[in-house]
Protein backbone atom coordinates (compact mmCIF):
# COMPACT_ATOMS: atom_id res chain seq x y z
CA MET A 1 -7.21 18.47 33.28
CA GLY A 2 -4.60 17.00 35.57
CA GLU A 3 -1.94 14.37 35.01
CA ILE A 4 -1.77 12.50 31.70
CA LEU A 5 -2.60 8.82 32.15
CA LYS A 6 -0.61 6.53 29.84
CA GLU A 7 -1.34 2.84 29.23
CA SER A 8 0.75 0.52 27.02
CA ILE A 9 -1.93 -1.62 25.39
CA THR A 10 0.55 -3.67 23.29
CA ASP A 11 4.15 -3.21 22.16
CA ASN A 12 2.76 -1.18 19.24
CA VAL A 13 -0.16 0.68 20.84
CA SER A 14 -0.15 3.33 23.58
CA LEU A 15 -3.23 5.02 25.04
CA TYR A 16 -3.17 8.47 26.65
CA ILE A 17 -6.10 9.77 28.70
CA ASN A 18 -6.34 13.55 28.78
CA LYS A 19 -7.22 16.43 26.48
CA ALA A 20 -5.68 15.73 23.09
CA GLU A 21 -4.14 19.21 22.92
CA THR A 22 -2.32 18.57 26.21
CA VAL A 23 -1.02 15.13 25.13
CA ILE A 24 0.13 16.38 21.72
CA GLN A 25 2.18 19.17 23.29
CA ASN A 26 3.99 16.56 25.40
CA LEU A 27 4.69 14.01 22.65
CA ASP A 28 8.36 13.68 21.74
CA THR A 29 7.76 11.98 18.40
CA LYS A 30 6.36 12.79 14.98
CA VAL A 31 3.76 10.62 13.29
CA ASP A 32 3.31 9.39 9.70
CA PHE A 33 -0.48 9.35 9.57
CA ILE A 34 -3.31 10.91 11.56
CA TYR A 35 -6.88 9.63 11.49
CA MET A 36 -9.36 11.84 13.27
CA ASP A 37 -13.10 11.29 13.66
CA PRO A 38 -13.95 14.45 15.63
CA PRO A 39 -17.27 15.75 16.95
CA TYR A 40 -19.42 16.94 14.02
CA ASP A 41 -21.12 19.96 15.64
CA THR A 42 -24.44 18.10 15.64
CA ASN A 43 -25.88 19.74 18.78
CA ARG A 44 -26.41 16.26 20.28
CA ASN A 45 -25.15 14.17 23.18
CA PHE A 46 -23.86 10.73 22.17
CA THR A 47 -24.13 7.76 24.50
CA LEU A 48 -23.74 4.03 23.93
CA ASP A 49 -27.37 3.40 24.85
CA SER A 50 -30.30 5.20 26.41
CA LYS A 51 -29.65 3.73 29.86
CA ASN A 52 -25.97 4.64 30.13
CA ASN A 53 -24.89 8.24 29.70
CA GLN A 54 -21.34 7.68 30.93
CA THR A 55 -19.78 6.18 27.80
CA GLY A 56 -19.93 8.85 25.12
CA PHE A 57 -19.46 12.59 24.64
CA SER A 58 -21.28 15.88 24.19
CA ASP A 59 -21.34 17.47 20.75
CA LYS A 60 -22.97 20.75 21.75
CA TRP A 61 -21.07 23.98 21.16
CA GLY A 62 -21.52 27.71 21.63
CA GLU A 63 -21.45 30.22 18.79
CA ASN A 64 -18.17 29.92 16.79
CA GLU A 65 -16.79 27.68 19.56
CA TYR A 66 -16.58 24.56 17.38
CA GLU A 67 -14.69 26.25 14.53
CA SER A 68 -12.25 27.91 16.93
CA TRP A 69 -11.54 24.62 18.71
CA LEU A 70 -11.08 22.69 15.48
CA ASP A 71 -8.85 25.37 13.95
CA ASP A 72 -6.45 25.24 16.92
CA PHE A 73 -6.60 21.44 16.99
CA VAL A 74 -5.65 20.99 13.32
CA SER A 75 -2.82 23.54 13.65
CA ASN A 76 -1.36 21.53 16.55
CA LEU A 77 -1.75 18.22 14.71
CA LYS A 78 0.04 19.65 11.70
CA LYS A 79 3.13 20.30 13.84
CA ILE A 80 3.63 16.63 14.72
CA LEU A 81 2.87 15.22 11.23
CA ASN A 82 5.93 14.06 9.26
CA LYS A 83 6.62 16.00 6.07
CA ASN A 84 5.44 13.11 3.86
CA GLY A 85 2.50 12.27 6.11
CA THR A 86 -1.25 12.56 5.61
CA ILE A 87 -4.03 13.58 7.96
CA VAL A 88 -7.52 12.18 7.34
CA ILE A 89 -10.44 13.92 9.01
CA HIS A 90 -13.74 12.06 8.92
CA ILE A 91 -16.98 14.05 8.84
CA SER A 92 -20.58 13.74 7.69
CA SER A 93 -21.21 15.50 4.37
CA GLU A 94 -23.78 17.77 6.05
CA ASN A 95 -21.18 19.12 8.50
CA SER A 96 -18.15 19.26 6.21
CA PHE A 97 -17.86 22.98 5.40
CA ILE A 98 -15.92 24.10 8.47
CA ILE A 99 -13.43 21.23 8.29
CA GLU A 100 -12.72 21.80 4.61
CA LYS A 101 -12.20 25.52 5.27
CA ILE A 102 -9.72 24.82 8.08
CA LEU A 103 -7.80 22.15 6.15
CA ARG A 104 -7.45 24.41 3.11
CA LYS A 105 -5.88 27.04 5.37
CA ASN A 106 -3.29 24.56 6.70
CA PHE A 107 -2.53 22.18 3.83
CA LYS A 108 -1.64 22.50 0.15
CA LYS A 109 -3.27 19.31 -1.10
CA ILE A 110 -6.77 18.18 -0.15
CA GLU A 111 -8.40 15.01 -1.48
CA LYS A 112 -12.02 14.08 -0.78
CA ILE A 113 -13.06 10.46 -0.38
CA TYR A 114 -16.81 9.83 -0.30
CA TRP A 115 -17.95 6.92 1.84
CA LYS A 116 -21.50 5.63 1.42
CA ARG A 117 -21.87 4.42 4.98
CA CYS A 118 -25.42 3.05 4.84
CA HIS A 119 -28.63 2.78 2.84
CA GLY A 120 -31.25 5.53 3.02
CA LYS A 121 -33.48 5.40 6.09
CA ASN A 122 -37.27 5.03 5.56
CA THR A 123 -37.89 7.21 8.63
CA VAL A 124 -36.80 10.36 6.75
CA LYS A 125 -39.86 12.11 5.30
CA LYS A 126 -39.00 15.73 4.50
CA LYS A 127 -35.47 15.50 3.06
CA CYS A 128 -33.21 13.04 1.26
CA GLY A 129 -31.70 10.40 3.53
CA ALA A 130 -28.14 11.21 4.61
CA VAL A 131 -25.84 8.33 3.63
CA ILE A 132 -22.49 9.95 2.75
CA ASP A 133 -19.49 10.75 4.94
CA ILE A 134 -16.49 12.65 3.59
CA LEU A 135 -12.93 11.66 4.43
CA PHE A 136 -10.69 14.67 3.86
CA ALA A 137 -7.11 13.51 3.18
CA ALA A 138 -4.70 16.44 3.53
CA THR A 139 -0.94 16.71 3.02
CA ASN A 140 1.72 19.26 2.18
CA SER A 141 3.94 16.80 0.33
CA ASN A 142 4.19 15.74 -3.31
CA LYS A 143 5.90 12.58 -2.03
CA ARG A 144 3.34 11.50 0.55
CA THR A 145 2.97 7.79 1.26
CA PHE A 146 0.28 6.40 -1.03
CA ASN A 147 -0.30 2.70 -1.72
CA GLN A 148 -2.89 2.01 -4.42
CA GLN A 149 -5.58 -0.44 -3.32
CA TYR A 150 -7.78 -2.65 -5.48
CA ILE A 151 -11.28 -4.06 -5.10
CA PRO A 152 -12.71 -7.18 -6.78
CA MET A 153 -14.21 -6.82 -10.25
CA GLU A 154 -17.97 -7.11 -10.61
CA GLU A 155 -19.01 -10.21 -12.55
CA ASN A 156 -20.89 -8.10 -15.14
CA SER A 157 -18.20 -5.41 -15.55
CA VAL A 158 -16.46 -4.54 -18.83
CA TRP A 159 -13.57 -6.58 -17.48
CA ALA A 160 -15.70 -9.75 -17.51
CA PHE A 161 -13.34 -12.70 -18.02
CA LYS A 162 -15.40 -14.50 -20.67
CA ASN A 163 -12.61 -15.96 -22.82
CA LYS A 164 -10.73 -19.14 -21.94
CA ASP A 165 -7.59 -20.92 -23.04
CA ASP A 166 -5.31 -23.56 -21.52
CA VAL A 167 -4.05 -21.07 -18.92
CA GLY A 168 -7.43 -19.87 -17.66
CA TYR A 169 -10.20 -17.30 -18.10
CA TYR A 170 -9.13 -13.96 -19.50
CA SER A 171 -10.40 -10.52 -20.53
CA LEU A 172 -9.20 -8.43 -23.49
CA GLY A 173 -6.85 -5.49 -23.02
CA ALA A 174 -6.71 -2.95 -25.84
CA LEU A 175 -3.54 -2.90 -27.94
CA LYS A 176 -4.39 -0.43 -30.68
CA HIS A 177 -4.15 3.33 -30.35
CA ASP A 178 -7.06 5.56 -31.27
CA ARG A 179 -6.88 8.77 -33.27
CA THR A 180 -5.84 10.94 -30.31
CA ARG A 181 -2.16 10.10 -30.78
CA LYS A 182 0.19 8.02 -32.88
CA GLY A 183 1.35 4.65 -31.64
CA ASN A 184 4.00 2.13 -32.72
CA GLU A 185 3.65 1.38 -36.43
CA PHE A 186 4.25 -2.21 -37.50
CA THR A 187 2.40 -5.15 -39.04
CA ILE A 188 2.01 -8.62 -37.55
CA ILE A 189 1.18 -11.61 -39.76
CA ASN A 190 -0.53 -14.50 -37.99
CA LYS A 191 -1.86 -17.52 -39.87
CA GLY A 192 -1.67 -15.60 -43.12
CA ILE A 193 -3.67 -12.60 -41.83
CA GLU A 194 -2.20 -9.10 -41.50
CA TYR A 195 -2.77 -7.18 -38.29
CA LYS A 196 -2.11 -3.46 -38.55
CA ASN A 197 -3.73 -0.33 -37.20
CA LYS A 198 -4.03 3.12 -38.78
CA TYR A 199 -2.95 4.84 -35.56
CA GLY A 200 -0.39 2.24 -34.48
CA TRP A 201 -0.16 -0.05 -31.44
CA LYS A 202 0.34 0.78 -27.75
CA LEU A 203 3.32 -1.56 -27.36
CA LYS A 204 6.55 -1.87 -29.31
CA GLU A 205 6.92 -4.59 -31.94
CA ASP A 206 9.46 -6.68 -30.01
CA ILE A 207 7.20 -6.74 -26.94
CA VAL A 208 4.17 -7.80 -28.99
CA LYS A 209 6.19 -10.58 -30.66
CA ARG A 210 7.32 -11.83 -27.26
CA LEU A 211 3.72 -11.86 -26.01
CA ILE A 212 2.70 -13.81 -29.12
CA SER A 213 5.39 -16.40 -28.40
CA GLU A 214 3.96 -16.70 -24.86
CA ASN A 215 0.41 -17.09 -26.23
CA ARG A 216 -0.62 -13.84 -24.49
CA ILE A 217 -2.17 -12.21 -27.57
CA HIS A 218 -5.80 -12.73 -28.62
CA PHE A 219 -6.30 -12.36 -32.39
CA VAL A 220 -9.58 -11.27 -34.01
CA PRO A 221 -9.16 -12.06 -37.73
CA LYS A 222 -12.42 -10.44 -38.84
CA SER A 223 -11.43 -6.98 -37.57
CA HIS A 224 -7.66 -7.52 -37.98
CA ASN A 225 -7.26 -6.56 -34.34
CA MET A 226 -5.10 -7.86 -31.49
CA TYR A 227 -5.70 -7.77 -27.73
CA ILE A 228 -3.58 -8.58 -24.71
CA LYS A 229 -4.88 -11.50 -22.66
CA ILE A 230 -5.50 -10.35 -19.08
CA TYR A 231 -6.01 -13.45 -16.97
CA LYS A 232 -8.48 -13.47 -14.10
CA HIS A 233 -6.09 -15.22 -11.71
CA GLU A 234 -3.44 -12.54 -12.32
CA HIS A 235 -5.69 -9.50 -12.15
CA LYS A 236 -5.34 -7.28 -9.07
CA GLY A 237 -8.91 -5.98 -9.35
CA LYS A 238 -10.28 -2.52 -9.97
CA PRO A 239 -8.17 0.42 -8.71
CA LEU A 240 -9.93 2.08 -5.80
CA SER A 241 -11.75 5.31 -6.66
CA ASN A 242 -12.75 8.15 -4.32
CA LEU A 243 -16.30 6.74 -3.98
CA TRP A 244 -16.43 3.86 -1.49
CA THR A 245 -19.67 1.89 -1.51
CA ASP A 246 -18.42 -1.54 -0.43
CA ILE A 247 -18.02 -0.93 3.33
CA HIS A 248 -21.10 -0.71 5.53
CA SER A 249 -21.32 1.19 8.82
CA ILE A 250 -21.24 -0.59 12.18
CA THR A 251 -24.22 -2.81 12.93
CA ARG A 252 -24.96 -4.86 16.00
CA THR A 253 -23.17 -8.03 14.88
CA SER A 254 -20.57 -10.24 16.50
CA LYS A 255 -18.12 -9.68 13.60
CA ASP A 256 -17.50 -6.01 14.40
CA PRO A 257 -19.36 -5.32 17.66
CA ARG A 258 -20.44 -1.74 18.35
CA LEU A 259 -18.70 -0.63 21.54
CA TYR A 260 -18.88 3.15 21.24
CA PRO A 261 -21.52 5.61 19.95
CA THR A 262 -19.66 6.84 16.84
CA GLN A 263 -17.49 3.78 16.20
CA LYS A 264 -16.32 3.24 12.61
CA PRO A 265 -15.94 -0.16 10.91
CA GLN A 266 -12.60 -1.93 11.03
CA LYS A 267 -12.61 -2.40 7.25
CA LEU A 268 -12.77 1.36 6.72
CA ILE A 269 -9.82 2.01 9.02
CA GLU A 270 -7.91 -0.90 7.49
CA ARG A 271 -8.26 0.60 4.02
CA LEU A 272 -7.06 4.03 5.14
CA ILE A 273 -4.07 2.58 6.97
CA LYS A 274 -3.07 0.47 3.97
CA ILE A 275 -3.31 3.46 1.62
CA PHE A 276 -1.47 6.06 3.67
CA THR A 277 1.08 4.06 5.70
CA ASN A 278 3.69 1.33 5.47
CA GLU A 279 4.59 -1.31 8.03
CA ASN A 280 6.23 0.10 11.19
CA ASP A 281 4.91 3.62 10.51
CA THR A 282 3.42 5.54 13.44
CA ILE A 283 -0.27 6.49 13.45
CA LEU A 284 -2.10 8.94 15.70
CA ASP A 285 -5.79 8.95 16.57
CA PRO A 286 -6.34 11.96 18.84
CA VAL A 287 -10.04 11.23 19.61
CA CYS A 288 -9.90 7.46 19.63
CA GLY A 289 -13.19 6.37 21.25
CA SER A 290 -13.20 2.56 21.32
CA GLY A 291 -9.69 2.39 19.83
CA THR A 292 -10.52 0.93 16.41
CA THR A 293 -7.56 2.71 14.82
CA GLY A 294 -5.09 1.19 17.27
CA PHE A 295 -6.78 -2.21 17.12
CA VAL A 296 -6.43 -2.39 13.33
CA ALA A 297 -2.99 -0.73 13.25
CA ASP A 298 -1.59 -3.34 15.63
CA LYS A 299 -2.95 -6.14 13.42
CA LEU A 300 -1.28 -4.51 10.38
CA GLN A 301 2.11 -4.12 12.10
CA ARG A 302 1.93 -0.35 12.60
CA LYS A 303 2.62 1.62 15.75
CA CYS A 304 -0.25 3.70 17.08
CA ILE A 305 -0.80 6.48 19.61
CA LEU A 306 -4.37 6.71 20.90
CA ILE A 307 -5.73 9.69 22.83
CA ASP A 308 -9.12 10.22 24.45
CA ILE A 309 -10.42 12.57 27.09
CA ASN A 310 -12.77 9.96 28.59
CA GLU A 311 -11.26 7.47 31.04
CA GLU A 312 -14.30 5.24 30.37
CA VAL A 313 -12.73 4.14 27.07
CA LEU A 314 -9.83 2.38 28.83
CA PRO A 315 -11.68 -0.85 29.77
CA ILE A 316 -13.39 -0.92 26.36
CA ILE A 317 -10.07 -0.73 24.51
CA LYS A 318 -8.37 -3.26 26.80
CA LYS A 319 -11.23 -5.70 26.27
CA ARG A 320 -10.96 -5.35 22.48
CA PHE A 321 -7.32 -6.39 22.59
CA THR A 322 -8.17 -9.29 24.89
CA ASP A 323 -11.12 -10.56 22.83
CA LYS A 324 -9.40 -9.96 19.44
CA VAL A 325 -12.62 -9.85 17.39
CA TYR A 326 -11.17 -8.81 14.02
CA ASN A 327 -13.19 -8.05 10.90
CA ILE A 328 -10.31 -7.42 8.49
C-alpha cells in the first residue's frame, strides 16, 4: 500500500490506516500491551450487513497462507512489546491450534483464558454449539504487569454472608489448620471455653487476640472453633479465574452498539486492559476494526495505537468518540 494515513483521535489515541506490518516497522515507540483479534481462517467474508459489503474484511486464505502471515505478524509484534508486556490474541476455540503453535514458538509463558461469549444456538443440529473463544495471553517476563480483578459473589456461594453483628453481614473465614501442615499452637479462652486445634491456627496468637479485641472473631462454642469475620461491605469479591462467563457478546442494543462485523464487547476489553496495564501505559491494537480497544483505553486513561487496513473504519471510530456510548 501507499502512504500511511495517521489520525489523532484524542490526545491518547492515534489511528493509522495501512497494512499493520508497514505501520509497525515505522513506529518509534514500544508498547506495554497488545490486544489482537485477527482473522480466524474461517473461509468467510465478513460484512456489517448483507446490503453493504464495504465495511468488513475477507477471511479467505490459500494453503498455508494464513499460518505464514500470522507467524510473521507475531514475530514483528514481539519486537515492539516491552520486556514486561503481554500480548493477548483472541481466537475462536475451533481455530486456536495455529495461534497457540505460533505463540509457543515466540513466547516462554502462555496463559489461556476461556470466554463463554454466548449461549448455544438452536440452529445447530449436527454438532455441539460453539460458544467459547480463547484469549491467549503471552509474555516472556516473570515480572509482567498483572492486576488481579474480582467479580461479585453469587448470593448462594460458600461465601454467603449469612451472619450479622453490629458492623454488618459477614461470612466465616477459616482460622484452623488441617492435618496437611502444622500451624500456630496456642489456646484461647473466651467466656470460660477453651479454643484450641490439634493442628494449630493459621494466624499468630497476638494477631488473633487483636482481632478478638476488635470483635472480628466468630466463636463456635460447640465445636471449640474460631473463624475470622469477613464482612460483606469489605469483601472485594471472587478473584477472577480463567473461565469468563459473565460477559456476553455484542448484541444489537443501544448500550454497546454493533458497528463492525467482529466487534467485541467493551466490558471484555475493559477487563483485559485493567489486568495487563496500568494508567498511562501504551496499548496497541494492530487490527482495530471499530476501535473498541482505543475507545475503552482512552476512558481508562491509557494511550493507544490503533491500526487498520480499511479506510472505512475511520468515520466509524470518529463517530464512537463523538457519541461516547460507553458500556463500562
